[in-house]
């Protein structure tokens, strides 16, 4: 749990300033669950410079509550949370200073978004809140007011969490409620969402020991923790916390899982380096006709087109390809007939299996499929659903290589390669990722394809 905050103060010598406005958003990593926005009546005059900068006047704060009147609310909204701010040391110092005036010691862990931004947005021209927000395409209203600046900080922090693939930020977060001694693990999944995404299992050392994508996160966690197989037993013995991230769509859940497995290498994942693709749909040739067949990836002799995670996936996709592009089941190895396929008997095959259809017309249909999934030298965005209403996602393909994914709310946030890369979560590309992207291109499981000029 996080408490994103921003403070406006009177100005003056360090240690003598008073708070004149406070904004705090309690953020659970997915959404804002509580908020506090209030002007504060100070015990000293507001400097003229501060009045001009913030547009907060003495008249505005005259009837505002004193700090001690909102102190209890500040304690409640930040309880069990890490304070997050842009140059958080100032905000944290101001709050502690106010509490010290009436003898209360206020303590919270903190996260500063400035050094994190320097790490994850290395190409930014400036790390001031206003300029960084503009470069990231984050709309900022009420600049130099607590609520506006806190909202901008929140949006930056969301992007930082997306880019935190090694979970360094999450490791600092207070652990969730431990399961009851009875051995039940419902505390770990009772509040989990039913949407698609990734869940992570942490041990007592805050290390990720297992992760998995799931169409339904809550069901995925429950199945893992209540299962009777050896994996579930090992997880139950070491689990200390479970966290999750909604991806919004299936493609990003595949990409994210593959990428996180390679980078985090959880010790309980059977394939900890990356997703395995043991079967490949290959392109071949028979008497001039182009053919598609399923081969084991290690033994593949034909030209690899799509790598698949299981034999059943490969068989289903090959059947779908054969039907959609009106290909011959016998040439593609689906039919076991010796002379001609059954489709030829019922008039649904043009006769390639008996040499009746011209080679050129048959191969043209296969070429149409190949061009549909061709990534070579193409640069485009594949957009899809986001994690919440009003948000969309993108997968970035640059010169035929999938470089990453990200989220956006406004089109101008992804209108240039520079903007795309600022918002993008980079991945380690490989043939498996390319196959996943090609599969989604073929099935058209996306909102739109947007060509990008480099």
Protein backbone atom coordinates (compact mmCIF):
# COMPACT_ATOMS: atom_id res chain seq x y z
CA UNK A 1 0.00 0.00 0.00
CA UNK A 2 1.25 3.46 -0.90
CA UNK A 3 0.34 7.02 0.10
CA UNK A 4 1.18 9.45 -2.69
CA UNK A 5 1.46 12.95 -1.23
CA UNK A 6 2.32 16.52 -1.98
CA UNK A 7 2.72 19.43 0.42
CA UNK A 8 2.58 23.19 -0.17
CA UNK A 9 4.20 25.35 2.51
CA UNK A 10 4.46 29.00 3.52
CA UNK A 11 8.13 29.33 2.62
CA UNK A 12 10.78 30.76 4.92
CA UNK A 13 13.78 29.38 6.75
CA UNK A 14 14.16 25.62 6.90
CA UNK A 15 12.45 24.33 10.02
CA UNK A 16 10.23 27.37 10.37
CA UNK A 17 7.82 26.81 7.47
CA UNK A 18 4.18 25.82 7.97
CA UNK A 19 2.02 23.62 5.77
CA UNK A 20 -0.70 25.46 3.84
CA UNK A 21 -2.05 22.57 1.74
CA UNK A 22 -1.85 18.80 1.78
CA UNK A 23 -2.98 16.11 -0.69
CA UNK A 24 -2.67 12.37 -0.08
CA UNK A 25 -3.90 9.56 -2.33
CA UNK A 26 -3.94 6.08 -0.78
CA UNK A 27 -3.02 3.74 -3.63
CA UNK A 28 -3.14 -0.07 -3.51
CA UNK A 29 -0.99 -0.55 -6.60
CA UNK A 30 -4.03 -0.68 -8.85
CA UNK A 31 -6.40 2.09 -7.84
CA UNK A 32 -6.87 4.98 -5.40
CA UNK A 33 -8.83 3.68 -2.41
CA UNK A 34 -8.90 6.86 -0.27
CA UNK A 35 -7.86 10.48 -0.49
CA UNK A 36 -7.32 13.58 1.61
CA UNK A 37 -7.15 17.07 0.08
CA UNK A 38 -7.21 20.09 2.35
CA UNK A 39 -5.96 23.61 2.78
CA UNK A 40 -4.29 24.17 6.15
CA UNK A 41 -4.31 27.33 8.24
CA UNK A 42 -0.68 28.21 9.10
CA UNK A 43 0.73 30.01 12.12
CA UNK A 44 2.80 32.38 9.97
CA UNK A 45 2.42 34.53 6.86
CA UNK A 46 2.67 33.02 3.38
CA UNK A 47 5.64 34.38 1.47
CA UNK A 48 4.77 36.57 -1.51
CA UNK A 49 6.68 34.25 -3.84
CA UNK A 50 4.67 31.24 -2.63
CA UNK A 51 1.38 33.12 -3.07
CA UNK A 52 2.31 33.93 -6.67
CA UNK A 53 3.48 30.38 -7.39
CA UNK A 54 0.57 28.50 -5.80
CA UNK A 55 -2.18 31.11 -6.02
CA UNK A 56 -2.95 30.29 -2.36
CA UNK A 57 -3.73 33.52 -0.51
CA UNK A 58 -4.04 34.31 3.22
CA UNK A 59 -7.78 34.75 2.70
CA UNK A 60 -8.09 31.21 1.33
CA UNK A 61 -6.44 29.58 4.36
CA UNK A 62 -8.01 31.82 6.99
CA UNK A 63 -11.00 29.52 7.51
CA UNK A 64 -9.09 26.27 6.76
CA UNK A 65 -8.51 23.71 9.53
CA UNK A 66 -5.36 23.86 11.62
CA UNK A 67 -2.92 20.98 11.11
CA UNK A 68 -3.83 19.35 14.43
CA UNK A 69 -7.45 19.15 13.23
CA UNK A 70 -6.50 16.90 10.30
CA UNK A 71 -3.57 15.12 11.98
CA UNK A 72 -5.61 12.05 12.92
CA UNK A 73 -6.87 11.76 9.36
CA UNK A 74 -3.30 11.91 8.02
CA UNK A 75 -2.26 9.11 10.39
CA UNK A 76 -5.21 6.97 9.27
CA UNK A 77 -4.80 7.45 5.52
CA UNK A 78 -1.04 6.69 5.66
CA UNK A 79 -1.25 3.81 8.16
CA UNK A 80 0.55 0.70 6.84
CA UNK A 81 1.58 2.55 3.68
CA UNK A 82 4.80 3.84 2.16
CA UNK A 83 4.89 7.59 1.50
CA UNK A 84 5.60 8.36 -2.15
CA UNK A 85 6.54 11.82 -3.37
CA UNK A 86 8.52 13.71 -6.00
CA UNK A 87 11.39 14.95 -3.83
CA UNK A 88 9.65 13.20 -0.95
CA UNK A 89 12.18 14.33 1.66
CA UNK A 90 10.64 17.80 1.72
CA UNK A 91 7.04 16.55 2.09
CA UNK A 92 7.99 14.01 4.75
CA UNK A 93 10.04 16.58 6.70
CA UNK A 94 7.14 19.03 6.71
CA UNK A 95 4.68 16.47 8.04
CA UNK A 96 7.07 15.24 10.74
CA UNK A 97 7.79 18.85 11.69
CA UNK A 98 4.10 19.60 12.16
CA UNK A 99 3.57 16.50 14.31
CA UNK A 100 6.59 17.36 16.45
CA UNK A 101 4.92 20.64 17.43
CA UNK A 102 2.50 18.74 19.65
CA UNK A 103 4.91 16.02 20.74
CA UNK A 104 3.98 13.21 18.33
CA UNK A 105 6.63 11.19 16.50
CA UNK A 106 5.44 10.42 12.99
CA UNK A 107 7.30 7.71 11.06
CA UNK A 108 6.71 6.11 7.66
CA UNK A 109 8.89 4.46 5.03
CA UNK A 110 9.34 6.62 1.92
CA UNK A 111 9.92 6.27 -1.83
CA UNK A 112 11.23 9.18 -3.90
CA UNK A 113 10.09 9.17 -7.52
CA UNK A 114 12.98 11.40 -8.63
CA UNK A 115 15.84 8.83 -8.46
CA UNK A 116 13.48 6.13 -9.73
CA UNK A 117 12.62 8.34 -12.70
CA UNK A 118 16.32 8.88 -13.38
CA UNK A 119 16.73 5.10 -13.44
CA UNK A 120 13.71 4.18 -15.57
CA UNK A 121 13.46 7.28 -17.79
CA UNK A 122 17.16 7.89 -18.51
CA UNK A 123 16.51 9.98 -21.62
CA UNK A 124 14.40 12.66 -19.96
CA UNK A 125 15.65 16.23 -20.41
CA UNK A 126 14.55 17.18 -16.89
CA UNK A 127 13.30 15.41 -13.77
CA UNK A 128 11.28 18.29 -12.39
CA UNK A 129 7.67 17.22 -11.88
CA UNK A 130 6.24 19.56 -14.50
CA UNK A 131 8.73 18.89 -17.29
CA UNK A 132 8.90 15.14 -16.68
CA UNK A 133 5.10 14.89 -16.72
CA UNK A 134 4.99 16.75 -20.02
CA UNK A 135 7.61 14.47 -21.60
CA UNK A 136 5.68 11.39 -20.44
CA UNK A 137 2.42 12.76 -21.83
CA UNK A 138 0.83 13.10 -18.38
CA UNK A 139 -1.72 15.92 -18.26
CA UNK A 140 -1.17 18.16 -15.23
CA UNK A 141 -3.81 20.53 -13.92
CA UNK A 142 -3.44 22.77 -10.88
CA UNK A 143 0.35 22.83 -11.11
CA UNK A 144 1.97 23.87 -7.80
CA UNK A 145 -1.19 22.91 -5.94
CA UNK A 146 -1.04 19.85 -3.71
CA UNK A 147 -3.82 17.88 -5.41
CA UNK A 148 -2.55 18.51 -8.96
CA UNK A 149 1.06 17.72 -8.14
CA UNK A 150 0.08 14.61 -6.16
CA UNK A 151 -2.00 13.34 -9.10
CA UNK A 152 0.95 13.87 -11.46
CA UNK A 153 3.23 12.04 -9.01
CA UNK A 154 0.70 9.19 -8.87
CA UNK A 155 0.70 8.82 -12.66
CA UNK A 156 4.51 8.82 -12.76
CA UNK A 157 4.58 6.23 -9.97
CA UNK A 158 2.20 3.98 -11.92
CA UNK A 159 4.62 4.04 -14.85
CA UNK A 160 7.52 3.30 -12.51
CA UNK A 161 5.68 0.28 -11.06
CA UNK A 162 5.09 -0.98 -14.60
CA UNK A 163 8.80 -0.71 -15.36
CA UNK A 164 9.88 -2.29 -12.06
CA UNK A 165 10.36 -5.74 -13.60
CA UNK A 166 12.80 -6.85 -10.88
CA UNK A 167 10.22 -5.95 -8.19
CA UNK A 168 12.66 -3.70 -6.32
CA UNK A 169 9.83 -1.33 -5.38
CA UNK A 170 7.55 -4.16 -4.27
CA UNK A 171 10.24 -5.57 -1.98
CA UNK A 172 9.98 -2.43 0.14
CA UNK A 173 6.23 -2.74 0.51
CA UNK A 174 4.82 -4.02 3.83
CA UNK A 175 3.78 -7.66 3.56
CA UNK A 176 0.13 -8.60 3.36
CA UNK A 177 -1.76 -10.35 6.12
CA UNK A 178 -0.32 -13.79 6.91
CA UNK A 179 -2.60 -16.82 6.57
CA UNK A 180 -4.19 -18.16 9.72
CA UNK A 181 -2.43 -20.98 11.63
CA UNK A 182 -5.23 -23.32 10.55
CA UNK A 183 -3.42 -23.68 7.24
CA UNK A 184 -6.02 -21.94 5.12
CA UNK A 185 -4.63 -19.66 2.42
CA UNK A 186 -7.78 -17.72 1.52
CA UNK A 187 -6.21 -14.46 2.74
CA UNK A 188 -3.96 -14.56 -0.29
CA UNK A 189 -6.71 -14.71 -2.91
CA UNK A 190 -9.96 -13.50 -1.34
CA UNK A 191 -9.39 -9.91 -2.54
CA UNK A 192 -7.63 -10.81 -5.80
CA UNK A 193 -9.35 -9.70 -9.03
CA UNK A 194 -11.06 -11.99 -11.51
CA UNK A 195 -9.30 -10.36 -14.46
CA UNK A 196 -6.39 -11.55 -16.57
CA UNK A 197 -2.84 -10.88 -15.42
CA UNK A 198 0.19 -12.20 -13.53
CA UNK A 199 0.52 -13.24 -9.91
CA UNK A 200 3.75 -13.53 -7.89
CA UNK A 201 4.50 -15.70 -4.86
CA UNK A 202 7.06 -14.26 -2.41
CA UNK A 203 8.97 -16.04 0.34
CA UNK A 204 9.96 -14.59 3.74
CA UNK A 205 13.01 -12.95 2.16
CA UNK A 206 10.73 -11.03 -0.24
CA UNK A 207 12.07 -12.98 -3.20
CA UNK A 208 9.76 -14.13 -5.99
CA UNK A 209 9.75 -17.92 -5.88
CA UNK A 210 6.93 -18.54 -8.37
CA UNK A 211 4.93 -16.60 -10.93
CA UNK A 212 2.28 -17.39 -13.48
CA UNK A 213 -0.14 -15.74 -15.84
CA UNK A 214 -3.84 -16.44 -15.34
CA UNK A 215 -7.06 -15.63 -17.17
CA UNK A 216 -8.61 -15.24 -13.74
CA UNK A 217 -6.04 -14.13 -11.15
CA UNK A 218 -8.12 -15.09 -8.11
CA UNK A 219 -8.81 -18.57 -9.49
CA UNK A 220 -5.17 -19.03 -10.48
CA UNK A 221 -3.91 -18.21 -6.98
CA UNK A 222 -6.57 -20.36 -5.34
CA UNK A 223 -5.84 -23.33 -7.62
CA UNK A 224 -2.12 -23.07 -6.85
CA UNK A 225 -2.50 -22.78 -3.07
CA UNK A 226 -5.18 -25.46 -2.70
CA UNK A 227 -3.84 -27.96 -5.23
CA UNK A 228 -2.68 -31.46 -4.35
CA UNK A 229 0.34 -31.66 -6.65
CA UNK A 230 3.99 -31.33 -5.65
CA UNK A 231 4.23 -27.72 -6.88
CA UNK A 232 1.34 -26.63 -4.68
CA UNK A 233 2.88 -28.41 -1.71
CA UNK A 234 6.22 -26.65 -2.22
CA UNK A 235 4.53 -23.27 -2.62
CA UNK A 236 2.48 -23.73 0.57
CA UNK A 237 5.65 -24.55 2.52
CA UNK A 238 7.41 -21.30 1.57
CA UNK A 239 4.76 -18.71 0.65
CA UNK A 240 4.87 -15.54 2.71
CA UNK A 241 3.01 -13.15 0.43
CA UNK A 242 1.19 -13.13 -2.90
CA UNK A 243 0.88 -10.11 -5.17
CA UNK A 244 -0.65 -9.64 -8.57
CA UNK A 245 -0.65 -7.33 -11.58
CA UNK A 246 -3.56 -6.96 -13.97
CA UNK A 247 -2.47 -6.84 -17.63
CA UNK A 248 -5.84 -6.11 -19.24
CA UNK A 249 -5.40 -8.53 -22.13
CA UNK A 250 -4.03 -11.94 -23.03
CA UNK A 251 -1.16 -10.87 -25.29
CA UNK A 252 0.55 -8.77 -22.62
CA UNK A 253 0.06 -11.51 -20.03
CA UNK A 254 1.96 -13.92 -22.34
CA UNK A 255 4.72 -11.40 -23.04
CA UNK A 256 5.00 -10.33 -19.40
CA UNK A 257 5.15 -13.91 -18.11
CA UNK A 258 7.88 -14.87 -20.59
CA UNK A 259 9.87 -11.76 -19.75
CA UNK A 260 9.48 -12.03 -15.96
CA UNK A 261 10.50 -15.70 -15.96
CA UNK A 262 13.77 -14.83 -17.71
CA UNK A 263 14.57 -11.87 -15.45
CA UNK A 264 13.39 -13.08 -12.03
CA UNK A 265 14.18 -16.82 -12.45
CA UNK A 266 11.77 -18.00 -9.71
CA UNK A 267 13.12 -21.18 -8.15
CA UNK A 268 9.77 -23.03 -8.14
CA UNK A 269 8.95 -22.43 -11.80
CA UNK A 270 9.78 -25.57 -13.72
CA UNK A 271 10.83 -23.48 -16.73
CA UNK A 272 12.38 -20.54 -14.96
CA UNK A 273 14.36 -19.08 -17.86
CA UNK A 274 11.44 -18.56 -20.26
CA UNK A 275 8.29 -20.16 -21.64
CA UNK A 276 9.06 -23.38 -23.50
CA UNK A 277 8.05 -23.77 -27.15
CA UNK A 278 8.60 -27.46 -27.87
CA UNK A 279 6.61 -27.56 -31.15
CA UNK A 280 6.90 -25.51 -34.33
CA UNK A 281 4.60 -25.05 -37.31
CA UNK A 282 6.94 -25.31 -40.27
CA UNK A 283 6.72 -24.38 -43.93
CA UNK A 284 7.60 -27.10 -46.41
CA UNK A 285 6.90 -28.16 -49.99
CA UNK A 286 5.41 -31.18 -51.75
CA UNK A 287 5.35 -31.42 -55.53
CA UNK A 288 5.41 -27.61 -55.75
CA UNK A 289 2.61 -27.05 -53.21
CA UNK A 290 3.59 -25.22 -50.05
CA UNK A 291 2.73 -27.20 -46.93
CA UNK A 292 2.38 -26.53 -43.22
CA UNK A 293 3.31 -29.19 -40.69
CA UNK A 294 3.93 -29.64 -36.95
CA UNK A 295 7.43 -30.65 -35.90
CA UNK A 296 9.30 -30.85 -32.64
CA UNK A 297 11.29 -27.64 -32.35
CA UNK A 298 14.61 -29.39 -31.69
CA UNK A 299 14.17 -31.67 -34.70
CA UNK A 300 12.49 -29.24 -37.11
CA UNK A 301 13.74 -29.58 -40.68
CA UNK A 302 11.33 -27.17 -42.36
CA UNK A 303 11.31 -23.38 -42.17
CA UNK A 304 9.95 -22.40 -38.75
CA UNK A 305 6.88 -20.15 -38.93
CA UNK A 306 5.27 -20.26 -35.48
CA UNK A 307 6.61 -21.81 -32.28
CA UNK A 308 3.96 -23.29 -29.97
CA UNK A 309 3.81 -24.05 -26.24
CA UNK A 310 2.08 -27.42 -26.64
CA UNK A 311 1.14 -30.01 -29.24
CA UNK A 312 -2.58 -29.38 -28.72
CA UNK A 313 -2.11 -25.63 -29.33
CA UNK A 314 -0.18 -26.40 -32.53
CA UNK A 315 -2.83 -28.87 -33.76
CA UNK A 316 -5.69 -26.48 -33.06
CA UNK A 317 -3.93 -23.59 -34.82
CA UNK A 318 -3.01 -25.70 -37.86
CA UNK A 319 -6.62 -26.84 -38.17
CA UNK A 320 -7.79 -23.24 -37.94
CA UNK A 321 -5.26 -22.13 -40.57
CA UNK A 322 -6.29 -24.93 -42.90
CA UNK A 323 -9.96 -24.01 -42.59
CA UNK A 324 -9.60 -20.21 -42.83
CA UNK A 325 -7.29 -20.20 -45.85
CA UNK A 326 -9.00 -23.17 -47.54
CA UNK A 327 -5.90 -25.33 -47.50
CA UNK A 328 -5.71 -29.07 -48.04
CA UNK A 329 -5.85 -31.16 -44.80
CA UNK A 330 -3.89 -33.95 -46.49
CA UNK A 331 -1.02 -31.70 -47.58
CA UNK A 332 -0.90 -30.21 -44.07
CA UNK A 333 -0.77 -33.63 -42.42
CA UNK A 334 -4.15 -33.29 -40.70
CA UNK A 335 -5.91 -35.90 -42.83
CA UNK A 336 -4.62 -39.48 -42.78
CA UNK A 337 -6.30 -40.47 -46.06
CA UNK A 338 -4.02 -42.13 -48.58
CA UNK A 339 -5.37 -40.84 -51.92
CA UNK A 340 -7.18 -37.55 -51.25
CA UNK A 341 -8.65 -35.69 -48.28
CA UNK A 342 -12.25 -35.96 -47.12
CA UNK A 343 -12.77 -32.28 -47.90
CA UNK A 344 -12.20 -33.08 -51.59
CA UNK A 345 -15.06 -35.59 -51.51
CA UNK A 346 -17.51 -33.01 -50.12
CA UNK A 347 -16.32 -30.22 -52.39
CA UNK A 348 -14.47 -28.16 -49.77
CA UNK A 349 -10.97 -28.79 -51.17
CA UNK A 350 -9.98 -27.50 -54.58
CA UNK A 351 -8.01 -30.66 -55.31
CA UNK A 352 -4.43 -29.81 -54.42
CA UNK A 353 -4.13 -33.27 -52.85
CA UNK A 354 -4.75 -34.89 -56.29
CA UNK A 355 -2.96 -32.24 -58.34
CA UNK A 356 -6.11 -30.64 -59.75
CA UNK A 357 -5.69 -27.12 -58.29
CA UNK A 358 -2.96 -25.01 -59.91
CA UNK A 359 0.10 -24.69 -57.68
CA UNK A 360 0.13 -20.91 -58.06
CA UNK A 361 -3.41 -20.34 -56.77
CA UNK A 362 -2.91 -22.72 -53.84
CA UNK A 363 0.42 -21.19 -52.80
CA UNK A 364 -1.08 -17.71 -53.10
CA UNK A 365 -3.42 -18.47 -50.18
CA UNK A 366 -0.54 -19.69 -48.01
CA UNK A 367 1.43 -16.56 -48.97
CA UNK A 368 -1.52 -14.46 -47.79
CA UNK A 369 -1.26 -16.11 -44.37
CA UNK A 370 2.53 -15.70 -44.28
CA UNK A 371 2.28 -11.99 -45.11
CA UNK A 372 -0.35 -11.50 -42.41
CA UNK A 373 2.06 -12.66 -39.71
CA UNK A 374 5.23 -11.30 -41.30
CA UNK A 375 7.12 -8.96 -38.96
CA UNK A 376 10.26 -8.39 -41.02
CA UNK A 377 11.29 -4.72 -41.11
CA UNK A 378 7.84 -3.60 -39.93
CA UNK A 379 7.39 -1.01 -37.17
CA UNK A 380 3.96 -0.71 -35.61
CA UNK A 381 1.92 -0.66 -32.43
CA UNK A 382 -0.56 -3.41 -31.68
CA UNK A 383 -3.14 -1.87 -29.36
CA UNK A 384 -5.51 -3.65 -26.99
CA UNK A 385 -7.54 -3.33 -23.84
CA UNK A 386 -5.98 -1.65 -20.81
CA UNK A 387 -6.25 -2.46 -17.12
CA UNK A 388 -9.13 -0.09 -16.42
CA UNK A 389 -11.80 1.94 -18.18
CA UNK A 390 -10.28 4.68 -20.31
CA UNK A 391 -6.89 2.98 -20.60
CA UNK A 392 -5.48 1.13 -23.61
CA UNK A 393 -2.40 -1.03 -24.02
CA UNK A 394 0.22 -1.30 -26.73
CA UNK A 395 2.85 -3.76 -27.88
CA UNK A 396 5.72 -2.12 -29.76
CA UNK A 397 7.26 -3.85 -32.79
CA UNK A 398 10.30 -2.06 -34.22
CA UNK A 399 11.84 -3.35 -37.45
CA UNK A 400 10.27 -6.74 -36.90
CA UNK A 401 11.34 -7.15 -33.26
CA UNK A 402 9.03 -6.92 -30.25
CA UNK A 403 10.78 -4.48 -27.90
CA UNK A 404 8.17 -4.02 -25.18
CA UNK A 405 4.68 -3.08 -24.11
CA UNK A 406 2.95 -0.36 -22.14
CA UNK A 407 -0.25 1.52 -21.37
CA UNK A 408 -1.70 4.89 -22.34
CA UNK A 409 -4.87 6.93 -21.93
CA UNK A 410 -4.40 9.63 -24.56
CA UNK A 411 -3.31 9.10 -28.17
CA UNK A 412 -0.64 11.80 -28.05
CA UNK A 413 1.19 9.72 -25.43
CA UNK A 414 2.20 7.22 -28.16
CA UNK A 415 2.42 9.37 -31.28
CA UNK A 416 6.21 9.25 -31.65
CA UNK A 417 8.87 6.56 -31.10
CA UNK A 418 10.34 8.72 -28.32
CA UNK A 419 7.03 8.89 -26.44
CA UNK A 420 6.46 5.18 -26.98
CA UNK A 421 9.82 4.25 -25.49
CA UNK A 422 9.33 6.50 -22.45
CA UNK A 423 6.10 4.68 -21.56
CA UNK A 424 7.27 1.24 -22.68
CA UNK A 425 8.26 -1.63 -20.39
CA UNK A 426 11.25 -3.12 -22.27
CA UNK A 427 11.56 -6.86 -22.78
CA UNK A 428 14.26 -9.28 -23.83
CA UNK A 429 13.01 -10.31 -27.23
CA UNK A 430 13.33 -13.86 -28.55
CA UNK A 431 11.72 -16.20 -31.07
CA UNK A 432 9.10 -17.23 -28.53
CA UNK A 433 7.87 -13.66 -28.11
CA UNK A 434 7.81 -13.24 -31.89
CA UNK A 435 5.67 -16.38 -32.20
CA UNK A 436 3.25 -15.09 -29.57
CA UNK A 437 2.90 -11.79 -31.43
CA UNK A 438 2.44 -13.59 -34.77
CA UNK A 439 -0.27 -15.76 -33.27
CA UNK A 440 -2.20 -12.70 -32.12
CA UNK A 441 -1.71 -11.04 -35.50
CA UNK A 442 -3.22 -14.09 -37.18
CA UNK A 443 -6.17 -14.35 -34.78
CA UNK A 444 -6.65 -10.54 -34.89
CA UNK A 445 -6.89 -10.35 -31.10
CA UNK A 446 -6.12 -6.66 -30.98
CA UNK A 447 -7.90 -3.33 -31.26
CA UNK A 448 -5.79 -1.74 -33.95
CA UNK A 449 -2.46 -1.82 -35.78
CA UNK A 450 -0.81 1.61 -35.96
CA UNK A 451 2.16 1.98 -38.34
CA UNK A 452 4.95 4.12 -36.87
CA UNK A 453 7.50 6.00 -38.96
CA UNK A 454 11.01 5.86 -37.51
